[in-house]
Amino acid sequence: MSIEQLESIAQAMVAPGKGIIAIDESNNTIKKRFDAVGIPNSEEHRRAYRELLLAAPALSDHISGAILYDETIRQSSRAGKPFTQLMRESGIIPGIKVDKGPQPLAGFPGELVTEGLDGLRERLTDYVRLGAQFAKWRAVITIGEDMPSSTCIEANCHALARYAALCQEAGLVPIVEPEVLMDGDHDIGICYEVTEATLRSLFASLYEHNVMLEGTILKASMVIAGKDCDEQADVEEVAEATVRCLKATVPAALPGIVFLSGGQSDEMATAHLNAMNQVGPHPWPLSFSYGRAMQQAALKLWAQDMAGNYVKAQQIVAQRARENGLAALGQWRPAA
């Protein structure tokens, strides 16, 4: 696939007023979500839940793409239509999570490095055959005492760059996601420093691996205090710090940036995104790639009555998409 085609897909992923829904939870992670609301973690329940999300009416008005899990990209709707076909017909770009998750970084207690490069070229070819047009790889950066180390940052950014190069070779747009975790009691200043160092390392690695930025999307964490910090920054301060950090580190050639919610409440994730877009214009579109912040309320309602609340749960998903779509334009207003 040519760079022009990759660039076209990347631009469609961050089209004005649209973002990405992340439904790429592993079976272990979705089990935790299901356990919390009393849903048995069967393959059929996982399939039915993903269909509820993907088939929500008018979802594509504000959702450009969806990140799927390996199991999900191989599944079909209740009527027998492959999910990737269902998505394409409704104007949603299929994506796939391809990393194998974070593992302990040898020699650096408490730090993690994401694995999954072995056999990735072959897996990407398979995902393209199944209909994927973009992929995602998540790295995890932990803030703590003497953490993160430069070794941890560089190891994760090196893996992100190798993954991104393989994606573009296969004709997929890579989403690179270096998540700086909210876990801890660090303040917003520490988060800024770590996020800045991580992004500088990431784009240096992407450059070294000849990754074409015009066909790449950054999935970023916001510059925000640790969830155990006594002093939490307000919405405007988070927005200002995040935008300042991005402008200092992210090349303007990038087609767009989408944010992860990272454990924030639904409304707070929307409010932060909205505030960032209200202080624009920026060199790139700022949008969303939310998981829990898109799904949580719908999942709770569906769990209470899977048949009776199916349509209502879909309406909640569509409404969350609409609110975040407005925030991607800086036009969201909180409910009175």
Protein backbone atom coordinates (compact mmCIF):
# COMPACT_ATOMS: atom_id res chain seq x y z
CA MET A 1 0.00 0.00 0.00
CA SER A 2 1.30 3.46 -0.87
CA ILE A 3 1.96 6.20 1.64
CA GLU A 4 -0.91 8.14 0.06
CA GLN A 5 -3.32 5.31 0.91
CA LEU A 6 -1.99 5.01 4.46
CA GLU A 7 -2.25 8.78 4.83
CA SER A 8 -5.83 8.72 3.57
CA ILE A 9 -6.84 6.06 6.12
CA ALA A 10 -5.05 7.91 8.94
CA GLN A 11 -6.84 11.14 8.07
CA ALA A 12 -10.20 9.34 8.02
CA MET A 13 -9.47 7.99 11.51
CA VAL A 14 -9.28 11.54 12.86
CA ALA A 15 -11.96 13.14 10.67
CA PRO A 16 -13.58 16.23 12.26
CA GLY A 17 -15.92 15.31 15.10
CA LYS A 18 -15.00 11.62 14.99
CA GLY A 19 -12.91 9.33 17.16
CA ILE A 20 -12.16 5.66 17.80
CA ILE A 21 -13.88 3.21 20.12
CA ALA A 22 -11.50 0.73 21.78
CA ILE A 23 -13.12 -2.68 22.26
CA ASP A 24 -9.85 -4.61 22.27
CA GLU A 25 -9.92 -5.92 25.83
CA SER A 26 -8.26 -9.31 26.18
CA ASN A 27 -10.42 -12.18 27.43
CA ASN A 28 -8.87 -11.78 30.89
CA THR A 29 -9.63 -8.05 30.98
CA ILE A 30 -13.19 -8.39 29.73
CA LYS A 31 -13.71 -11.11 32.36
CA LYS A 32 -12.94 -8.51 35.04
CA ARG A 33 -15.44 -6.08 33.45
CA PHE A 34 -18.09 -8.81 33.16
CA ASP A 35 -17.44 -10.09 36.71
CA ALA A 36 -18.01 -6.58 38.07
CA VAL A 37 -21.55 -6.51 36.61
CA GLY A 38 -22.42 -10.20 36.96
CA ILE A 39 -22.11 -11.39 33.33
CA PRO A 40 -20.63 -14.89 32.73
CA ASN A 41 -17.49 -14.62 30.61
CA SER A 42 -18.49 -16.91 27.74
CA GLU A 43 -17.47 -16.52 24.11
CA GLU A 44 -21.11 -15.94 23.14
CA HIS A 45 -21.53 -13.18 25.75
CA ARG A 46 -18.34 -11.52 24.50
CA ARG A 47 -19.57 -11.77 20.91
CA ALA A 48 -23.02 -10.42 21.79
CA TYR A 49 -21.56 -7.51 23.73
CA ARG A 50 -19.19 -6.53 20.91
CA GLU A 51 -22.11 -6.71 18.45
CA LEU A 52 -24.14 -4.44 20.74
CA LEU A 53 -21.35 -1.87 20.51
CA LEU A 54 -20.54 -2.15 16.82
CA ALA A 55 -24.17 -2.23 15.68
CA ALA A 56 -25.31 0.77 17.74
CA PRO A 57 -27.48 2.93 15.47
CA ALA A 58 -25.76 6.00 13.98
CA LEU A 59 -22.48 5.06 15.69
CA SER A 60 -20.49 6.06 12.60
CA ASP A 61 -21.75 9.65 12.92
CA HIS A 62 -19.04 10.14 15.56
CA ILE A 63 -16.95 6.94 15.43
CA SER A 64 -14.42 6.57 12.61
CA GLY A 65 -12.93 3.24 13.66
CA ALA A 66 -12.95 0.47 16.25
CA ILE A 67 -9.99 -1.41 17.71
CA LEU A 68 -10.80 -5.12 17.93
CA TYR A 69 -9.27 -8.06 19.80
CA ASP A 70 -8.02 -11.17 17.98
CA GLU A 71 -11.15 -13.13 18.92
CA THR A 72 -13.48 -10.32 17.87
CA ILE A 73 -12.04 -9.74 14.39
CA ARG A 74 -12.83 -13.39 13.61
CA GLN A 75 -16.43 -13.22 14.90
CA SER A 76 -19.71 -12.46 13.16
CA SER A 77 -23.01 -10.86 14.03
CA ARG A 78 -25.95 -12.94 15.17
CA ALA A 79 -27.15 -12.86 11.56
CA GLY A 80 -23.84 -14.34 10.38
CA LYS A 81 -22.20 -11.22 8.93
CA PRO A 82 -18.47 -10.89 9.79
CA PHE A 83 -17.90 -7.96 12.13
CA THR A 84 -15.38 -6.38 9.75
CA GLN A 85 -17.99 -6.44 6.96
CA LEU A 86 -20.62 -5.01 9.31
CA MET A 87 -18.22 -2.20 10.20
CA ARG A 88 -17.25 -1.35 6.64
CA GLU A 89 -20.90 -1.22 5.56
CA SER A 90 -21.64 1.27 8.35
CA GLY A 91 -18.58 3.40 7.61
CA ILE A 92 -16.40 2.28 10.54
CA ILE A 93 -12.75 1.37 9.88
CA PRO A 94 -11.69 -2.00 11.38
CA GLY A 95 -8.58 -1.98 13.55
CA ILE A 96 -6.78 -4.65 15.58
CA LYS A 97 -4.72 -4.77 18.78
CA VAL A 98 -1.55 -6.71 17.98
CA ASP A 99 0.71 -6.52 21.04
CA LYS A 100 0.94 -9.41 23.50
CA GLY A 101 0.80 -7.21 26.59
CA PRO A 102 3.33 -5.81 29.05
CA GLN A 103 5.81 -8.10 30.83
CA PRO A 104 8.38 -7.36 33.56
CA LEU A 105 11.50 -5.66 32.19
CA ALA A 106 14.41 -7.85 33.27
CA GLY A 107 16.84 -6.02 35.52
CA PHE A 108 14.40 -3.21 36.31
CA PRO A 109 12.00 -4.21 39.11
CA GLY A 110 8.56 -2.63 38.78
CA GLU A 111 9.00 -1.65 35.14
CA LEU A 112 7.36 -3.19 32.10
CA VAL A 113 8.06 -3.73 28.41
CA THR A 114 5.43 -4.76 25.86
CA GLU A 115 6.05 -8.00 23.97
CA GLY A 116 4.65 -9.36 20.71
CA LEU A 117 7.20 -8.65 17.98
CA ASP A 118 7.95 -12.34 17.37
CA GLY A 119 5.82 -13.53 14.47
CA LEU A 120 4.21 -10.11 14.08
CA ARG A 121 4.85 -9.85 10.32
CA GLU A 122 2.83 -13.05 9.72
CA ARG A 123 0.05 -12.01 12.10
CA LEU A 124 -0.30 -8.64 10.38
CA THR A 125 -0.70 -10.36 7.01
CA ASP A 126 -3.50 -12.46 8.52
CA TYR A 127 -5.23 -9.40 9.99
CA VAL A 128 -5.12 -7.62 6.64
CA ARG A 129 -6.76 -10.68 5.09
CA LEU A 130 -9.47 -10.47 7.78
CA GLY A 131 -10.17 -6.84 6.90
CA ALA A 132 -8.11 -4.73 9.31
CA GLN A 133 -6.90 -1.34 8.07
CA PHE A 134 -5.07 -0.13 11.17
CA ALA A 135 -3.43 -1.65 14.24
CA LYS A 136 -2.56 -0.69 17.80
CA TRP A 137 0.35 -1.41 20.15
CA ARG A 138 0.33 -0.20 23.77
CA ALA A 139 3.42 0.46 25.83
CA VAL A 140 3.17 1.06 29.59
CA ILE A 141 5.29 3.64 31.42
CA THR A 142 5.04 3.58 35.22
CA ILE A 143 5.93 6.55 37.42
CA GLY A 144 7.41 5.69 40.82
CA GLU A 145 10.54 5.95 42.91
CA ASP A 146 13.45 6.09 40.43
CA MET A 147 10.99 5.22 37.66
CA PRO A 148 10.73 5.28 34.77
CA SER A 149 14.29 4.51 33.82
CA SER A 150 15.65 5.67 30.48
CA THR A 151 16.10 1.97 29.64
CA CYS A 152 12.39 1.31 30.10
CA ILE A 153 11.38 4.28 27.96
CA GLU A 154 13.85 3.42 25.20
CA ALA A 155 12.99 -0.30 25.16
CA ASN A 156 9.28 0.43 24.80
CA CYS A 157 9.77 3.12 22.17
CA HIS A 158 12.10 0.86 20.18
CA ALA A 159 9.40 -1.86 20.17
CA LEU A 160 6.73 0.68 19.14
CA ALA A 161 8.88 1.79 16.22
CA ARG A 162 9.59 -1.77 15.04
CA TYR A 163 5.88 -2.57 15.25
CA ALA A 164 4.98 0.62 13.34
CA ALA A 165 7.43 -0.16 10.53
CA LEU A 166 6.03 -3.69 10.18
CA CYS A 167 2.48 -2.31 10.08
CA GLN A 168 3.26 0.08 7.25
CA GLU A 169 5.06 -2.69 5.37
CA ALA A 170 1.82 -4.73 5.62
CA GLY A 171 -0.37 -1.78 4.56
CA LEU A 172 -1.77 -0.97 8.00
CA VAL A 173 -1.82 2.41 9.74
CA PRO A 174 -0.08 1.99 13.11
CA ILE A 175 -1.47 3.57 16.26
CA VAL A 176 1.47 4.03 18.64
CA GLU A 177 0.35 4.19 22.27
CA PRO A 178 2.94 5.01 24.96
CA GLU A 179 0.67 5.21 28.02
CA VAL A 180 2.04 7.02 31.07
CA LEU A 181 -0.04 5.44 33.83
CA MET A 182 -2.14 7.47 36.28
CA ASP A 183 -1.21 5.05 39.08
CA GLY A 184 0.74 6.75 41.87
CA ASP A 185 0.84 9.95 43.89
CA HIS A 186 2.97 12.02 41.50
CA ASP A 187 1.90 15.56 40.64
CA ILE A 188 1.13 16.95 37.19
CA GLY A 189 4.66 18.36 36.87
CA ILE A 190 6.24 14.91 37.17
CA CYS A 191 3.74 13.54 34.65
CA TYR A 192 4.71 16.32 32.24
CA GLU A 193 8.41 15.50 32.51
CA VAL A 194 7.87 11.76 31.97
CA THR A 195 5.43 12.27 29.10
CA GLU A 196 7.80 14.69 27.39
CA ALA A 197 10.76 12.30 27.72
CA THR A 198 8.66 9.39 26.44
CA LEU A 199 7.36 11.24 23.39
CA ARG A 200 10.82 12.55 22.50
CA SER A 201 12.17 8.99 22.62
CA LEU A 202 9.21 7.66 20.62
CA PHE A 203 9.57 10.05 17.70
CA ALA A 204 13.34 9.57 17.63
CA SER A 205 12.77 5.81 17.35
CA LEU A 206 10.11 6.21 14.66
CA TYR A 207 12.54 8.35 12.66
CA GLU A 208 15.35 5.80 13.05
CA HIS A 209 13.07 3.03 11.75
CA ASN A 210 11.92 4.99 8.68
CA VAL A 211 8.31 5.08 9.86
CA MET A 212 6.26 7.46 7.73
CA LEU A 213 4.62 9.85 10.18
CA GLU A 214 2.01 10.86 7.59
CA GLY A 215 0.59 7.33 7.92
CA THR A 216 0.81 7.03 11.72
CA ILE A 217 -1.51 8.00 14.60
CA LEU A 218 -0.40 8.76 18.16
CA LYS A 219 -2.58 7.50 21.01
CA ALA A 220 -1.50 9.64 23.95
CA SER A 221 -2.18 9.80 27.64
CA MET A 222 -3.05 13.19 29.09
CA VAL A 223 -0.68 15.13 31.32
CA ILE A 224 -2.46 14.62 34.60
CA ALA A 225 -1.61 14.08 38.27
CA GLY A 226 -1.47 10.55 39.66
CA LYS A 227 -4.80 9.36 40.98
CA ASP A 228 -3.41 9.23 44.56
CA CYS A 229 -1.97 12.75 44.44
CA ASP A 230 -3.48 15.10 47.04
CA GLU A 231 -3.45 17.99 44.59
CA GLN A 232 -5.45 17.34 41.43
CA ALA A 233 -5.19 19.83 38.58
CA ASP A 234 -8.39 21.33 37.20
CA VAL A 235 -9.64 20.69 33.67
CA GLU A 236 -8.06 23.80 32.16
CA GLU A 237 -4.65 23.07 33.72
CA VAL A 238 -4.66 19.50 32.40
CA ALA A 239 -5.63 20.75 28.94
CA GLU A 240 -2.95 23.45 28.91
CA ALA A 241 -0.18 21.13 30.14
CA THR A 242 -1.12 18.36 27.71
CA VAL A 243 -1.22 20.65 24.68
CA ARG A 244 2.05 22.32 25.68
CA CYS A 245 3.76 18.93 26.03
CA LEU A 246 2.47 17.73 22.66
CA LYS A 247 3.53 20.89 20.87
CA ALA A 248 7.04 20.47 22.30
CA THR A 249 7.42 16.87 21.14
CA VAL A 250 5.06 15.81 18.32
CA PRO A 251 5.92 16.68 14.69
CA ALA A 252 3.26 18.55 12.72
CA ALA A 253 3.47 15.90 9.98
CA LEU A 254 1.44 13.51 12.12
CA PRO A 255 -2.18 13.28 10.83
CA GLY A 256 -3.69 13.29 14.30
CA ILE A 257 -3.60 12.45 18.00
CA VAL A 258 -6.22 10.44 19.86
CA PHE A 259 -6.34 10.24 23.65
CA LEU A 260 -6.89 7.29 25.93
CA SER A 261 -9.12 7.81 28.95
CA GLY A 262 -6.66 6.02 31.25
CA GLY A 263 -8.97 5.46 34.20
CA GLN A 264 -10.66 8.87 34.15
CA SER A 265 -14.40 9.09 34.65
CA ASP A 266 -16.54 9.25 31.49
CA GLU A 267 -17.34 12.93 31.88
CA MET A 268 -13.84 13.98 32.92
CA ALA A 269 -12.29 12.34 29.84
CA THR A 270 -14.78 14.25 27.67
CA ALA A 271 -14.24 17.54 29.55
CA HIS A 272 -10.44 17.35 29.17
CA LEU A 273 -10.68 16.66 25.43
CA ASN A 274 -13.15 19.50 24.97
CA ALA A 275 -10.95 21.97 26.88
CA MET A 276 -7.94 21.07 24.73
CA ASN A 277 -9.86 21.74 21.54
CA GLN A 278 -11.18 25.04 22.87
CA VAL A 279 -7.62 26.41 23.10
CA GLY A 280 -6.79 25.51 19.48
CA PRO A 281 -6.10 25.55 16.65
CA HIS A 282 -3.41 22.89 16.92
CA PRO A 283 -0.97 21.41 14.37
CA TRP A 284 -3.02 18.17 14.36
CA PRO A 285 -6.60 17.10 15.17
CA LEU A 286 -7.06 16.08 18.82
CA SER A 287 -9.66 13.34 19.20
CA PHE A 288 -10.38 10.26 21.32
CA SER A 289 -9.81 6.52 21.44
CA TYR A 290 -11.75 5.62 24.55
CA GLY A 291 -12.57 2.20 25.94
CA ARG A 292 -14.13 2.25 29.38
CA ALA A 293 -15.18 5.89 29.00
CA MET A 294 -17.30 4.83 26.00
CA GLN A 295 -18.63 1.53 27.32
CA GLN A 296 -18.99 1.50 31.09
CA ALA A 297 -22.49 2.93 31.49
CA ALA A 298 -23.86 0.80 28.63
CA LEU A 299 -22.34 -2.38 30.03
CA LYS A 300 -23.90 -1.83 33.45
CA LEU A 301 -27.33 -1.29 31.94
CA TRP A 302 -27.08 -4.27 29.57
CA ALA A 303 -26.05 -6.56 32.43
CA GLN A 304 -29.31 -5.84 34.28
CA ASP A 305 -31.46 -7.20 31.43
CA MET A 306 -29.59 -8.34 28.30
CA ALA A 307 -32.68 -8.60 26.11
CA GLY A 308 -34.79 -5.81 27.59
CA ASN A 309 -32.00 -3.21 27.83
CA TYR A 310 -30.20 -4.01 24.54
CA VAL A 311 -31.51 -1.01 22.60
CA LYS A 312 -31.16 1.36 25.57
CA ALA A 313 -27.54 0.26 26.05
CA GLN A 314 -26.87 0.96 22.37
CA GLN A 315 -28.40 4.41 22.76
CA ILE A 316 -26.01 5.13 25.64
CA VAL A 317 -23.03 4.13 23.48
CA ALA A 318 -24.25 6.36 20.65
CA GLN A 319 -24.74 9.24 23.08
CA ARG A 320 -21.24 8.85 24.54
CA ALA A 321 -19.90 8.85 20.96
CA ARG A 322 -21.82 12.03 20.20
CA GLU A 323 -20.55 13.80 23.35
CA ASN A 324 -16.94 12.90 22.61
CA GLY A 325 -17.40 13.85 18.96
CA LEU A 326 -18.51 17.29 20.09
CA ALA A 327 -15.52 17.46 22.47
CA ALA A 328 -13.22 16.70 19.52
CA LEU A 329 -14.57 19.92 18.01
CA GLY A 330 -14.47 21.89 21.29
CA GLN A 331 -18.28 22.13 21.23
CA TRP A 332 -19.30 19.85 24.13
CA ARG A 333 -21.39 21.27 26.97
CA PRO A 334 -21.89 19.33 30.25
CA ALA A 335 -25.43 18.35 31.14
CA ALA A 336 -27.16 20.85 33.37
